[in-house]
Amino acid sequence: MKYEDYARRVLLEDPWREFGLPRSGRVLDVGSGSGWGIAALRDLGLDAIGLDPQARHPGGVRGDASRMPFRTSSFDGVVCLRTLHHIPPDREALREFGRVLRRGGFLFLTVGNALSYTFVLFRSRFTRETVSPCDPYYRPYHRRELSRLLAQAGFEITGLRACHYLPRRMARGDGSPLLDLLASADRALGTRPPTNGIGPVLMACGRRQGK
């Protein structure tokens, strides 16, 4: 399995089915990066566009997640994968997610887990490195903290679990049996003791409440 296929499966495709997310509608990918998430969402049948400070890919719009250049209630869903923990005004970003969503629209996001074993490993083995070399700001979350922030932003949480996503620099390259094993076992690892609290990523799904 190629690393890109592994990341796509673990961070998006498998949880999409697990959480019963829709296969139609207009969806915004916040922090779209290289555009892989847009491609994956479109393959699932969604009308997807991306938002990124650089947006150097087809289907991307340049913008700030805490002040998004979109009309209120203009999306059926917002996806934010491994991006919120790089945004210092995270509460403002979450409020913006709710603003651009239609009532009942869904939010699917992943953030760094403060109790992650890989986070501890990075800090112990790579003391001179940041978790993300291109962005020194990185704020991992505790499960209760993430739940509280989502509730304060007007979301009803419909799913929350750990994800045992393996960062690229810790993988053993394309074709590693470890990637296949982790992809197949991720849901079980993220929901059952004793591994359900220490995955590198927290994965949450919610619905926008209110008017």
N, C-alpha and C. Protein backbone atom coordinates (compact mmCIF):
# COMPACT_ATOMS: atom_id res chain seq x y z
N MET A 1 0.84 -1.20 0.00
CA MET A 1 0.00 0.00 0.00
C MET A 1 0.87 1.25 0.00
N LYS A 2 0.59 2.18 -0.91
CA LYS A 2 1.31 3.44 -0.91
C LYS A 2 0.88 4.28 0.29
N TYR A 3 1.79 5.12 0.77
CA TYR A 3 1.47 5.91 1.95
C TYR A 3 0.27 6.82 1.69
N GLU A 4 0.19 7.42 0.49
CA GLU A 4 -0.93 8.31 0.17
C GLU A 4 -2.26 7.57 0.23
N ASP A 5 -2.29 6.31 -0.23
CA ASP A 5 -3.51 5.52 -0.18
C ASP A 5 -3.88 5.18 1.26
N TYR A 6 -2.84 4.91 2.06
CA TYR A 6 -3.07 4.62 3.48
C TYR A 6 -3.69 5.83 4.18
N ALA A 7 -3.10 7.01 3.97
CA ALA A 7 -3.61 8.22 4.62
C ALA A 7 -5.04 8.51 4.20
N ARG A 8 -5.31 8.37 2.93
CA ARG A 8 -6.66 8.63 2.41
C ARG A 8 -7.68 7.69 3.02
N ARG A 9 -7.32 6.42 3.12
CA ARG A 9 -8.24 5.44 3.68
C ARG A 9 -8.51 5.68 5.17
N VAL A 10 -7.44 5.90 5.94
CA VAL A 10 -7.57 6.00 7.39
C VAL A 10 -8.18 7.33 7.83
N LEU A 11 -7.81 8.42 7.17
CA LEU A 11 -8.26 9.74 7.58
C LEU A 11 -9.60 10.14 6.97
N LEU A 12 -10.02 9.48 5.90
CA LEU A 12 -11.24 9.94 5.24
C LEU A 12 -12.20 8.83 4.83
N GLU A 13 -11.75 7.92 3.99
CA GLU A 13 -12.68 6.96 3.38
C GLU A 13 -13.33 6.03 4.40
N ASP A 14 -12.55 5.37 5.25
CA ASP A 14 -13.13 4.44 6.21
C ASP A 14 -14.01 5.15 7.24
N PRO A 15 -13.54 6.27 7.85
CA PRO A 15 -14.42 6.97 8.79
C PRO A 15 -15.67 7.55 8.15
N TRP A 16 -15.60 7.89 6.88
CA TRP A 16 -16.78 8.41 6.19
C TRP A 16 -17.91 7.38 6.23
N ARG A 17 -17.55 6.14 5.96
CA ARG A 17 -18.54 5.06 6.03
C ARG A 17 -18.94 4.79 7.48
N GLU A 18 -17.97 4.77 8.36
CA GLU A 18 -18.22 4.47 9.77
C GLU A 18 -19.23 5.45 10.38
N PHE A 19 -19.07 6.74 10.11
CA PHE A 19 -19.94 7.76 10.69
C PHE A 19 -21.20 8.01 9.87
N GLY A 20 -21.36 7.28 8.77
CA GLY A 20 -22.56 7.40 7.97
C GLY A 20 -22.73 8.77 7.33
N LEU A 21 -21.64 9.36 6.86
CA LEU A 21 -21.70 10.68 6.26
C LEU A 21 -22.23 10.60 4.83
N PRO A 22 -22.85 11.67 4.34
CA PRO A 22 -23.54 11.62 3.04
C PRO A 22 -22.59 11.52 1.85
N ARG A 23 -23.13 11.02 0.75
CA ARG A 23 -22.37 10.87 -0.50
C ARG A 23 -22.79 11.91 -1.53
N SER A 24 -23.48 12.95 -1.10
CA SER A 24 -23.88 14.03 -2.00
C SER A 24 -23.90 15.33 -1.23
N GLY A 25 -23.88 16.45 -1.95
CA GLY A 25 -23.90 17.74 -1.30
C GLY A 25 -22.63 18.54 -1.56
N ARG A 26 -22.65 19.79 -1.17
CA ARG A 26 -21.53 20.71 -1.35
C ARG A 26 -20.69 20.73 -0.08
N VAL A 27 -19.41 20.40 -0.21
CA VAL A 27 -18.54 20.24 0.95
C VAL A 27 -17.29 21.10 0.81
N LEU A 28 -16.88 21.69 1.92
CA LEU A 28 -15.67 22.51 1.97
C LEU A 28 -14.57 21.76 2.70
N ASP A 29 -13.40 21.63 2.08
CA ASP A 29 -12.23 21.01 2.70
C ASP A 29 -11.32 22.13 3.19
N VAL A 30 -11.29 22.36 4.50
CA VAL A 30 -10.50 23.44 5.09
C VAL A 30 -9.07 22.95 5.34
N GLY A 31 -8.11 23.70 4.82
CA GLY A 31 -6.72 23.27 4.91
C GLY A 31 -6.45 22.20 3.87
N SER A 32 -6.85 22.49 2.64
CA SER A 32 -6.84 21.46 1.59
C SER A 32 -5.46 21.09 1.08
N GLY A 33 -4.43 21.86 1.43
CA GLY A 33 -3.06 21.46 1.11
C GLY A 33 -2.84 21.17 -0.35
N SER A 34 -2.38 19.95 -0.64
CA SER A 34 -2.08 19.55 -2.01
C SER A 34 -3.32 19.23 -2.83
N GLY A 35 -4.47 19.14 -2.17
CA GLY A 35 -5.72 18.85 -2.86
C GLY A 35 -6.15 17.40 -2.83
N TRP A 36 -5.44 16.56 -2.08
CA TRP A 36 -5.80 15.15 -2.06
C TRP A 36 -7.18 14.92 -1.43
N GLY A 37 -7.52 15.75 -0.43
CA GLY A 37 -8.82 15.60 0.21
C GLY A 37 -9.96 15.95 -0.72
N ILE A 38 -9.77 16.98 -1.55
CA ILE A 38 -10.79 17.35 -2.53
C ILE A 38 -11.03 16.20 -3.49
N ALA A 39 -9.94 15.60 -3.97
CA ALA A 39 -10.07 14.47 -4.89
C ALA A 39 -10.80 13.30 -4.24
N ALA A 40 -10.46 13.01 -2.98
CA ALA A 40 -11.11 11.90 -2.28
C ALA A 40 -12.59 12.17 -2.06
N LEU A 41 -12.94 13.40 -1.71
CA LEU A 41 -14.34 13.75 -1.49
C LEU A 41 -15.13 13.66 -2.79
N ARG A 42 -14.54 14.10 -3.88
CA ARG A 42 -15.22 14.01 -5.17
C ARG A 42 -15.41 12.55 -5.58
N ASP A 43 -14.44 11.71 -5.27
CA ASP A 43 -14.58 10.29 -5.57
C ASP A 43 -15.74 9.66 -4.78
N LEU A 44 -16.04 10.26 -3.63
CA LEU A 44 -17.16 9.77 -2.83
C LEU A 44 -18.50 10.29 -3.34
N GLY A 45 -18.47 11.17 -4.32
CA GLY A 45 -19.70 11.68 -4.92
C GLY A 45 -20.07 13.08 -4.50
N LEU A 46 -19.18 13.78 -3.78
CA LEU A 46 -19.49 15.10 -3.25
C LEU A 46 -18.98 16.21 -4.17
N ASP A 47 -19.64 17.34 -4.10
CA ASP A 47 -19.20 18.55 -4.81
C ASP A 47 -18.27 19.29 -3.85
N ALA A 48 -16.96 19.09 -3.99
CA ALA A 48 -15.99 19.58 -3.01
C ALA A 48 -15.12 20.69 -3.57
N ILE A 49 -14.89 21.69 -2.71
CA ILE A 49 -13.88 22.71 -2.99
C ILE A 49 -13.01 22.83 -1.75
N GLY A 50 -11.86 23.49 -1.89
CA GLY A 50 -10.93 23.59 -0.78
C GLY A 50 -10.66 25.03 -0.39
N LEU A 51 -10.22 25.20 0.85
CA LEU A 51 -9.76 26.49 1.36
C LEU A 51 -8.39 26.30 1.96
N ASP A 52 -7.44 27.14 1.54
CA ASP A 52 -6.08 27.01 2.04
C ASP A 52 -5.37 28.37 1.88
N PRO A 53 -4.44 28.71 2.77
CA PRO A 53 -3.71 29.98 2.61
C PRO A 53 -2.95 30.06 1.30
N GLN A 54 -2.54 28.92 0.75
CA GLN A 54 -1.81 28.89 -0.51
C GLN A 54 -2.71 28.53 -1.69
N ALA A 55 -3.46 27.45 -1.55
CA ALA A 55 -4.43 27.00 -2.57
C ALA A 55 -3.80 26.94 -3.95
N ARG A 56 -2.74 26.14 -4.07
CA ARG A 56 -2.05 26.00 -5.35
C ARG A 56 -2.50 24.74 -6.10
N HIS A 57 -3.76 24.40 -6.00
CA HIS A 57 -4.28 23.20 -6.63
C HIS A 57 -5.65 23.50 -7.21
N PRO A 58 -6.09 22.73 -8.20
CA PRO A 58 -7.41 22.92 -8.79
C PRO A 58 -8.51 22.74 -7.74
N GLY A 59 -9.49 23.60 -7.77
CA GLY A 59 -10.59 23.48 -6.82
C GLY A 59 -10.34 24.16 -5.50
N GLY A 60 -9.23 24.89 -5.39
CA GLY A 60 -8.89 25.53 -4.13
C GLY A 60 -9.12 27.03 -4.16
N VAL A 61 -9.50 27.58 -3.00
CA VAL A 61 -9.70 29.02 -2.83
C VAL A 61 -8.75 29.49 -1.73
N ARG A 62 -8.07 30.59 -1.97
CA ARG A 62 -7.19 31.13 -0.95
C ARG A 62 -8.01 31.83 0.13
N GLY A 63 -7.64 31.57 1.38
CA GLY A 63 -8.38 32.22 2.45
C GLY A 63 -7.94 31.77 3.83
N ASP A 64 -8.46 32.46 4.83
CA ASP A 64 -8.15 32.23 6.25
C ASP A 64 -9.33 31.48 6.87
N ALA A 65 -9.05 30.39 7.56
CA ALA A 65 -10.12 29.58 8.15
C ALA A 65 -10.90 30.32 9.22
N SER A 66 -10.31 31.34 9.82
CA SER A 66 -11.03 32.09 10.85
C SER A 66 -11.82 33.26 10.28
N ARG A 67 -11.65 33.54 8.97
CA ARG A 67 -12.43 34.58 8.27
C ARG A 67 -12.65 34.11 6.83
N MET A 68 -13.54 33.17 6.66
CA MET A 68 -13.67 32.50 5.37
C MET A 68 -14.46 33.34 4.37
N PRO A 69 -14.03 33.31 3.12
CA PRO A 69 -14.68 34.13 2.09
C PRO A 69 -15.89 33.46 1.45
N PHE A 70 -16.79 32.95 2.30
CA PHE A 70 -17.98 32.26 1.79
C PHE A 70 -19.22 32.79 2.49
N ARG A 71 -20.35 32.70 1.81
CA ARG A 71 -21.61 33.16 2.38
C ARG A 71 -22.08 32.24 3.50
N THR A 72 -22.88 32.80 4.37
CA THR A 72 -23.48 32.02 5.45
C THR A 72 -24.38 30.93 4.87
N SER A 73 -24.33 29.75 5.49
CA SER A 73 -25.18 28.61 5.11
C SER A 73 -25.00 28.21 3.66
N SER A 74 -23.76 28.16 3.20
CA SER A 74 -23.50 27.85 1.79
C SER A 74 -22.96 26.44 1.55
N PHE A 75 -22.77 25.65 2.64
CA PHE A 75 -22.24 24.30 2.48
C PHE A 75 -23.08 23.29 3.25
N ASP A 76 -23.09 22.06 2.74
CA ASP A 76 -23.74 20.95 3.44
C ASP A 76 -22.79 20.28 4.42
N GLY A 77 -21.49 20.44 4.20
CA GLY A 77 -20.51 19.81 5.07
C GLY A 77 -19.19 20.56 5.06
N VAL A 78 -18.46 20.46 6.17
CA VAL A 78 -17.11 21.00 6.28
C VAL A 78 -16.20 19.88 6.75
N VAL A 79 -15.08 19.73 6.08
CA VAL A 79 -14.07 18.74 6.44
C VAL A 79 -12.79 19.49 6.79
N CYS A 80 -12.17 19.11 7.89
CA CYS A 80 -10.95 19.78 8.33
C CYS A 80 -10.01 18.72 8.89
N LEU A 81 -9.06 18.28 8.07
CA LEU A 81 -8.18 17.17 8.43
C LEU A 81 -6.79 17.66 8.83
N ARG A 82 -6.43 17.44 10.08
CA ARG A 82 -5.10 17.79 10.61
C ARG A 82 -4.74 19.25 10.34
N THR A 83 -5.73 20.12 10.52
CA THR A 83 -5.51 21.54 10.25
C THR A 83 -5.85 22.42 11.45
N LEU A 84 -6.93 22.11 12.17
CA LEU A 84 -7.36 22.97 13.28
C LEU A 84 -6.24 23.18 14.30
N HIS A 85 -5.43 22.14 14.54
CA HIS A 85 -4.37 22.29 15.54
C HIS A 85 -3.22 23.17 15.08
N HIS A 86 -3.28 23.66 13.84
CA HIS A 86 -2.30 24.63 13.35
C HIS A 86 -2.88 26.05 13.29
N ILE A 87 -4.12 26.23 13.75
CA ILE A 87 -4.78 27.53 13.69
C ILE A 87 -4.87 28.12 15.09
N PRO A 88 -4.10 29.15 15.40
CA PRO A 88 -4.15 29.72 16.76
C PRO A 88 -5.55 30.17 17.19
N PRO A 89 -6.33 30.88 16.35
CA PRO A 89 -7.70 31.23 16.76
C PRO A 89 -8.67 30.09 16.45
N ASP A 90 -8.51 28.96 17.12
CA ASP A 90 -9.30 27.78 16.79
C ASP A 90 -10.79 27.97 17.06
N ARG A 91 -11.13 28.72 18.11
CA ARG A 91 -12.54 28.96 18.39
C ARG A 91 -13.21 29.76 17.28
N GLU A 92 -12.47 30.75 16.77
CA GLU A 92 -13.01 31.53 15.67
C GLU A 92 -13.20 30.67 14.42
N ALA A 93 -12.25 29.76 14.19
CA ALA A 93 -12.37 28.87 13.04
C ALA A 93 -13.59 27.96 13.18
N LEU A 94 -13.81 27.40 14.36
CA LEU A 94 -14.97 26.54 14.57
C LEU A 94 -16.28 27.30 14.39
N ARG A 95 -16.32 28.54 14.85
CA ARG A 95 -17.52 29.35 14.64
C ARG A 95 -17.75 29.61 13.15
N GLU A 96 -16.65 29.81 12.40
CA GLU A 96 -16.77 30.01 10.97
C GLU A 96 -17.28 28.74 10.28
N PHE A 97 -16.82 27.59 10.75
CA PHE A 97 -17.33 26.33 10.20
C PHE A 97 -18.85 26.27 10.35
N GLY A 98 -19.31 26.64 11.55
CA GLY A 98 -20.75 26.63 11.78
C GLY A 98 -21.48 27.67 10.95
N ARG A 99 -20.86 28.82 10.75
CA ARG A 99 -21.51 29.89 9.98
C ARG A 99 -21.77 29.48 8.53
N VAL A 100 -20.77 28.86 7.90
CA VAL A 100 -20.92 28.54 6.48
C VAL A 100 -21.74 27.26 6.25
N LEU A 101 -22.05 26.54 7.33
CA LEU A 101 -22.86 25.33 7.19
C LEU A 101 -24.35 25.63 7.23
N ARG A 102 -25.09 24.90 6.43
CA ARG A 102 -26.53 24.95 6.53
C ARG A 102 -26.97 24.26 7.82
N ARG A 103 -28.16 24.59 8.30
CA ARG A 103 -28.67 23.94 9.51
C ARG A 103 -28.72 22.44 9.30
N GLY A 104 -28.16 21.70 10.23
CA GLY A 104 -28.10 20.25 10.11
C GLY A 104 -26.90 19.77 9.32
N GLY A 105 -26.10 20.70 8.80
CA GLY A 105 -24.90 20.32 8.07
C GLY A 105 -23.89 19.65 8.98
N PHE A 106 -22.98 18.89 8.39
CA PHE A 106 -22.06 18.11 9.19
C PHE A 106 -20.63 18.68 9.16
N LEU A 107 -19.93 18.41 10.24
CA LEU A 107 -18.50 18.73 10.35
C LEU A 107 -17.74 17.45 10.63
N PHE A 108 -16.69 17.22 9.87
CA PHE A 108 -15.81 16.08 10.13
C PHE A 108 -14.39 16.61 10.24
N LEU A 109 -13.75 16.36 11.37
CA LEU A 109 -12.40 16.89 11.55
C LEU A 109 -11.51 15.92 12.30
N THR A 110 -10.21 16.11 12.11
CA THR A 110 -9.20 15.37 12.86
C THR A 110 -8.19 16.36 13.39
N VAL A 111 -7.76 16.12 14.63
CA VAL A 111 -6.77 16.99 15.28
C VAL A 111 -5.75 16.13 16.01
N GLY A 112 -4.63 16.73 16.37
CA GLY A 112 -3.62 16.01 17.13
C GLY A 112 -4.13 15.69 18.53
N ASN A 113 -3.83 14.50 19.01
CA ASN A 113 -4.24 14.02 20.33
C ASN A 113 -3.15 14.31 21.35
N ALA A 114 -3.49 15.04 22.42
CA ALA A 114 -2.51 15.39 23.44
C ALA A 114 -1.97 14.17 24.16
N LEU A 115 -2.71 13.06 24.14
CA LEU A 115 -2.26 11.84 24.81
C LEU A 115 -1.64 10.84 23.84
N SER A 116 -1.30 11.31 22.66
CA SER A 116 -0.76 10.42 21.63
C SER A 116 0.61 9.88 21.98
N TYR A 117 0.82 8.61 21.71
CA TYR A 117 2.15 8.03 21.89
C TYR A 117 3.16 8.60 20.90
N THR A 118 2.70 8.94 19.69
CA THR A 118 3.64 9.51 18.72
C THR A 118 4.02 10.93 19.10
N PHE A 119 3.10 11.67 19.73
CA PHE A 119 3.43 13.02 20.17
C PHE A 119 4.52 12.97 21.24
N VAL A 120 4.40 12.04 22.16
CA VAL A 120 5.43 11.87 23.19
C VAL A 120 6.75 11.45 22.55
N LEU A 121 6.67 10.57 21.56
CA LEU A 121 7.88 10.11 20.89
C LEU A 121 8.58 11.24 20.16
N PHE A 122 7.80 12.08 19.48
CA PHE A 122 8.39 13.22 18.80
C PHE A 122 9.14 14.11 19.79
N ARG A 123 8.52 14.36 20.91
CA ARG A 123 9.13 15.26 21.89
C ARG A 123 10.37 14.67 22.55
N SER A 124 10.42 13.34 22.64
CA SER A 124 11.57 12.71 23.29
C SER A 124 12.71 12.42 22.32
N ARG A 125 12.38 12.07 21.08
CA ARG A 125 13.41 11.70 20.11
C ARG A 125 13.83 12.83 19.20
N PHE A 126 12.89 13.75 18.95
CA PHE A 126 13.18 14.84 18.03
C PHE A 126 13.03 16.17 18.75
N THR A 127 13.80 16.36 19.81
CA THR A 127 13.64 17.53 20.66
C THR A 127 13.97 18.82 19.93
N ARG A 128 14.72 18.74 18.83
CA ARG A 128 15.06 19.96 18.10
C ARG A 128 14.12 20.21 16.92
N GLU A 129 13.13 19.37 16.78
CA GLU A 129 12.19 19.52 15.68
C GLU A 129 10.81 19.88 16.20
N THR A 130 10.03 20.55 15.37
CA THR A 130 8.63 20.73 15.67
C THR A 130 7.88 19.57 15.01
N VAL A 131 6.66 19.33 15.45
CA VAL A 131 5.87 18.26 14.85
C VAL A 131 5.65 18.53 13.36
N SER A 132 5.44 19.79 13.02
CA SER A 132 5.29 20.18 11.63
C SER A 132 6.37 21.22 11.31
N PRO A 133 7.46 20.83 10.65
CA PRO A 133 8.57 21.76 10.41
C PRO A 133 8.16 23.02 9.65
N CYS A 134 7.14 22.93 8.78
CA CYS A 134 6.74 24.09 8.01
C CYS A 134 5.80 25.01 8.79
N ASP A 135 5.35 24.59 9.95
CA ASP A 135 4.43 25.40 10.77
C ASP A 135 4.71 25.11 12.24
N PRO A 136 5.45 25.99 12.92
CA PRO A 136 5.84 25.71 14.31
C PRO A 136 4.68 25.69 15.30
N TYR A 137 3.51 26.26 14.94
CA TYR A 137 2.38 26.22 15.86
C TYR A 137 1.67 24.88 15.75
N TYR A 138 1.57 24.19 16.86
CA TYR A 138 0.90 22.89 16.88
C TYR A 138 0.30 22.70 18.26
N ARG A 139 -1.02 22.62 18.32
CA ARG A 139 -1.70 22.50 19.60
C ARG A 139 -2.52 21.22 19.64
N PRO A 140 -2.05 20.19 20.30
CA PRO A 140 -2.86 18.96 20.41
C PRO A 140 -3.99 19.16 21.41
N TYR A 141 -5.02 18.34 21.30
CA TYR A 141 -6.23 18.48 22.12
C TYR A 141 -6.46 17.23 22.97
N HIS A 142 -7.06 17.46 24.13
CA HIS A 142 -7.62 16.36 24.91
C HIS A 142 -9.05 16.11 24.44
N ARG A 143 -9.51 14.91 24.61
CA ARG A 143 -10.85 14.54 24.13
C ARG A 143 -11.94 15.43 24.72
N ARG A 144 -11.91 15.65 26.02
CA ARG A 144 -12.95 16.47 26.64
C ARG A 144 -12.88 17.91 26.17
N GLU A 145 -11.66 18.41 25.97
CA GLU A 145 -11.50 19.77 25.49
C GLU A 145 -12.09 19.93 24.10
N LEU A 146 -11.82 18.97 23.22
CA LEU A 146 -12.36 19.04 21.86
C LEU A 146 -13.88 18.98 21.89
N SER A 147 -14.44 18.11 22.72
CA SER A 147 -15.89 18.00 22.85
C SER A 147 -16.49 19.33 23.31
N ARG A 148 -15.85 19.96 24.28
CA ARG A 148 -16.36 21.23 24.79
C ARG A 148 -16.31 22.33 23.73
N LEU A 149 -15.21 22.40 22.99
CA LEU A 149 -15.08 23.42 21.95
C LEU A 149 -16.13 23.25 20.86
N LEU A 150 -16.38 22.01 20.47
CA LEU A 150 -17.38 21.75 19.44
C LEU A 150 -18.78 22.13 19.93
N ALA A 151 -19.08 21.80 21.18
CA ALA A 151 -20.39 22.14 21.74
C ALA A 151 -20.56 23.66 21.82
N GLN A 152 -19.52 24.36 22.24
CA GLN A 152 -19.58 25.81 22.35
C GLN A 152 -19.77 26.47 20.98
N ALA A 153 -19.27 25.80 19.93
CA ALA A 153 -19.41 26.34 18.58
C ALA A 153 -20.75 25.97 17.94
N GLY A 154 -21.61 25.25 18.68
CA GLY A 154 -22.94 24.94 18.19
C GLY A 154 -23.07 23.61 17.47
N PHE A 155 -22.18 22.66 17.78
CA PHE A 155 -22.25 21.35 17.13
C PHE A 155 -22.70 20.27 18.10
N GLU A 156 -23.57 19.43 17.62
CA GLU A 156 -23.95 18.21 18.35
C GLU A 156 -23.00 17.10 17.89
N ILE A 157 -22.24 16.55 18.81
CA ILE A 157 -21.25 15.54 18.45
C ILE A 157 -21.94 14.21 18.19
N THR A 158 -21.69 13.64 17.02
CA THR A 158 -22.30 12.37 16.65
C THR A 158 -21.28 11.24 16.60
N GLY A 159 -20.00 11.56 16.69
CA GLY A 159 -18.96 10.54 16.69
C GLY A 159 -17.64 11.13 17.14
N LEU A 160 -16.92 10.39 17.99
CA LEU A 160 -15.63 10.87 18.48
C LEU A 160 -14.79 9.67 18.89
N ARG A 161 -13.63 9.53 18.28
CA ARG A 161 -12.74 8.43 18.65
C ARG A 161 -11.30 8.78 18.31
N ALA A 162 -10.41 7.96 18.82
CA ALA A 162 -9.00 8.09 18.46
C ALA A 162 -8.74 7.42 17.11
N CYS A 163 -7.72 7.89 16.44
CA CYS A 163 -7.31 7.31 15.16
C CYS A 163 -5.82 7.04 15.25
N HIS A 164 -5.41 5.84 14.86
CA HIS A 164 -4.00 5.46 14.96
C HIS A 164 -3.26 5.71 13.65
N TYR A 165 -3.48 6.90 13.12
CA TYR A 165 -2.79 7.35 11.91
C TYR A 165 -1.29 7.48 12.16
N LEU A 166 -0.51 6.89 11.28
CA LEU A 166 0.94 6.89 11.42
C LEU A 166 1.55 8.00 10.56
N PRO A 167 2.20 9.00 11.15
CA PRO A 167 2.83 10.07 10.36
C PRO A 167 3.84 9.51 9.37
N ARG A 168 4.01 10.22 8.27
CA ARG A 168 4.87 9.74 7.20
C ARG A 168 6.28 9.44 7.69
N ARG A 169 6.84 10.30 8.52
CA ARG A 169 8.22 10.10 8.92
C ARG A 169 8.40 8.90 9.84
N MET A 170 7.29 8.36 10.35
CA MET A 170 7.38 7.17 11.18
C MET A 170 7.02 5.90 10.40
N ALA A 171 6.52 6.09 9.19
CA ALA A 171 6.20 4.92 8.36
C ALA A 171 7.49 4.35 7.77
N ARG A 172 7.40 3.15 7.27
CA ARG A 172 8.59 2.48 6.73
C ARG A 172 8.61 2.48 5.21
N GLY A 173 7.87 3.43 4.64
CA GLY A 173 7.87 3.54 3.19
C GLY A 173 6.71 2.81 2.54
N ASP A 174 6.50 3.09 1.26
CA ASP A 174 5.43 2.44 0.51
C ASP A 174 5.61 0.93 0.49
N GLY A 175 4.49 0.24 0.56
CA GLY A 175 4.53 -1.22 0.50
C GLY A 175 4.77 -1.89 1.84
N SER A 176 4.91 -1.10 2.91
CA SER A 176 5.14 -1.69 4.22
C SER A 176 3.89 -2.44 4.70
N PRO A 177 4.04 -3.69 5.15
CA PRO A 177 2.88 -4.42 5.69
C PRO A 177 2.25 -3.72 6.88
N LEU A 178 3.06 -2.88 7.56
CA LEU A 178 2.54 -2.16 8.72
C LEU A 178 1.39 -1.23 8.33
N LEU A 179 1.48 -0.60 7.16
CA LEU A 179 0.43 0.31 6.72
C LEU A 179 -0.88 -0.43 6.48
N ASP A 180 -0.81 -1.60 5.84
CA ASP A 180 -2.01 -2.40 5.62
C ASP A 180 -2.62 -2.83 6.94
N LEU A 181 -1.77 -3.25 7.87
CA LEU A 181 -2.25 -3.71 9.17
C LEU A 181 -2.93 -2.58 9.93
N LEU A 182 -2.30 -1.41 9.97
CA LEU A 182 -2.86 -0.29 10.70
C LEU A 182 -4.17 0.20 10.07
N ALA A 183 -4.23 0.20 8.75
CA ALA A 183 -5.45 0.63 8.07
C ALA A 183 -6.62 -0.29 8.41
N SER A 184 -6.38 -1.58 8.40
CA SER A 184 -7.44 -2.55 8.67
C SER A 184 -7.88 -2.54 10.13
N ALA A 185 -6.94 -2.23 11.04
CA ALA A 185 -7.23 -2.31 12.47
C ALA A 185 -7.59 -0.98 13.10
N ASP A 186 -7.61 0.09 12.32
CA ASP A 186 -7.71 1.42 12.92
C ASP A 186 -8.97 1.61 13.76
N ARG A 187 -10.12 1.22 13.25
CA ARG A 187 -11.35 1.44 14.01
C ARG A 187 -11.32 0.71 15.34
N ALA A 188 -10.87 -0.53 15.32
CA ALA A 188 -10.80 -1.31 16.56
C ALA A 188 -9.80 -0.69 17.54
N LEU A 189 -8.66 -0.26 17.02
CA LEU A 189 -7.65 0.37 17.88
C LEU A 189 -8.17 1.67 18.48
N GLY A 190 -8.99 2.39 17.71
CA GLY A 190 -9.46 3.69 18.16
C GLY A 190 -10.68 3.66 19.05
N THR A 191 -11.32 2.50 19.20
CA THR A 191 -12.55 2.43 19.98
C THR A 191 -12.49 1.47 21.16
N ARG A 192 -11.47 0.62 21.22
CA ARG A 192 -11.42 -0.39 22.27
C ARG A 192 -10.22 -0.18 23.19
N PRO A 193 -10.41 -0.43 24.51
CA PRO A 193 -9.29 -0.34 25.44
C PRO A 193 -8.26 -1.42 25.12
N PRO A 194 -6.99 -1.19 25.41
CA PRO A 194 -6.42 0.00 26.05
C PRO A 194 -5.91 1.03 25.06
N THR A 195 -6.13 0.82 23.75
CA THR A 195 -5.55 1.70 22.73
C THR A 195 -6.46 2.85 22.33
N ASN A 196 -7.68 2.90 22.87
CA ASN A 196 -8.65 3.88 22.38
C ASN A 196 -8.38 5.31 22.84
N GLY A 197 -7.41 5.52 23.69
CA GLY A 197 -7.15 6.88 24.15
C GLY A 197 -5.83 7.47 23.69
N ILE A 198 -4.99 6.65 23.04
CA ILE A 198 -3.63 7.11 22.79
C ILE A 198 -3.28 7.21 21.30
N GLY A 199 -4.26 7.15 20.43
CA GLY A 199 -3.98 7.30 19.01
C GLY A 199 -3.43 8.68 18.70
N PRO A 200 -2.60 8.83 17.68
CA PRO A 200 -2.01 10.12 17.33
C PRO A 200 -3.02 11.20 16.99
N VAL A 201 -4.22 10.80 16.58
CA VAL A 201 -5.21 11.75 16.09
C VAL A 201 -6.55 11.51 16.80
N LEU A 202 -7.26 12.60 17.09
CA LEU A 202 -8.65 12.52 17.52
C LEU A 202 -9.53 12.85 16.32
N MET A 203 -10.55 12.06 16.14
CA MET A 203 -11.43 12.17 14.98
C MET A 203 -12.84 12.44 15.49
N ALA A 204 -13.46 13.53 15.00
CA ALA A 204 -14.79 13.89 15.49
C ALA A 204 -15.73 14.22 14.34
N CYS A 205 -17.00 13.94 14.56
CA CYS A 205 -18.05 14.23 13.58
C CYS A 205 -19.19 14.90 14.34
N GLY A 206 -19.75 15.97 13.78
CA GLY A 206 -20.84 16.66 14.45
C GLY A 206 -21.82 17.27 13.48
N ARG A 207 -22.97 17.70 14.00
CA ARG A 207 -24.02 18.34 13.20
C ARG A 207 -24.26 19.74 13.73
N ARG A 208 -24.45 20.68 12.81
CA ARG A 208 -24.70 22.05 13.20
C ARG A 208 -26.10 22.18 13.77
N GLN A 209 -26.20 22.80 14.94
CA GLN A 209 -27.49 23.02 15.57
C GLN A 209 -27.94 24.46 15.35
N GLY A 210 -29.11 24.78 15.81
CA GLY A 210 -29.60 26.16 15.78
C GLY A 210 -30.21 26.53 14.45
N LYS A 211 -30.44 27.84 14.31
CA LYS A 211 -31.12 28.35 13.13
C LYS A 211 -30.18 28.42 11.94
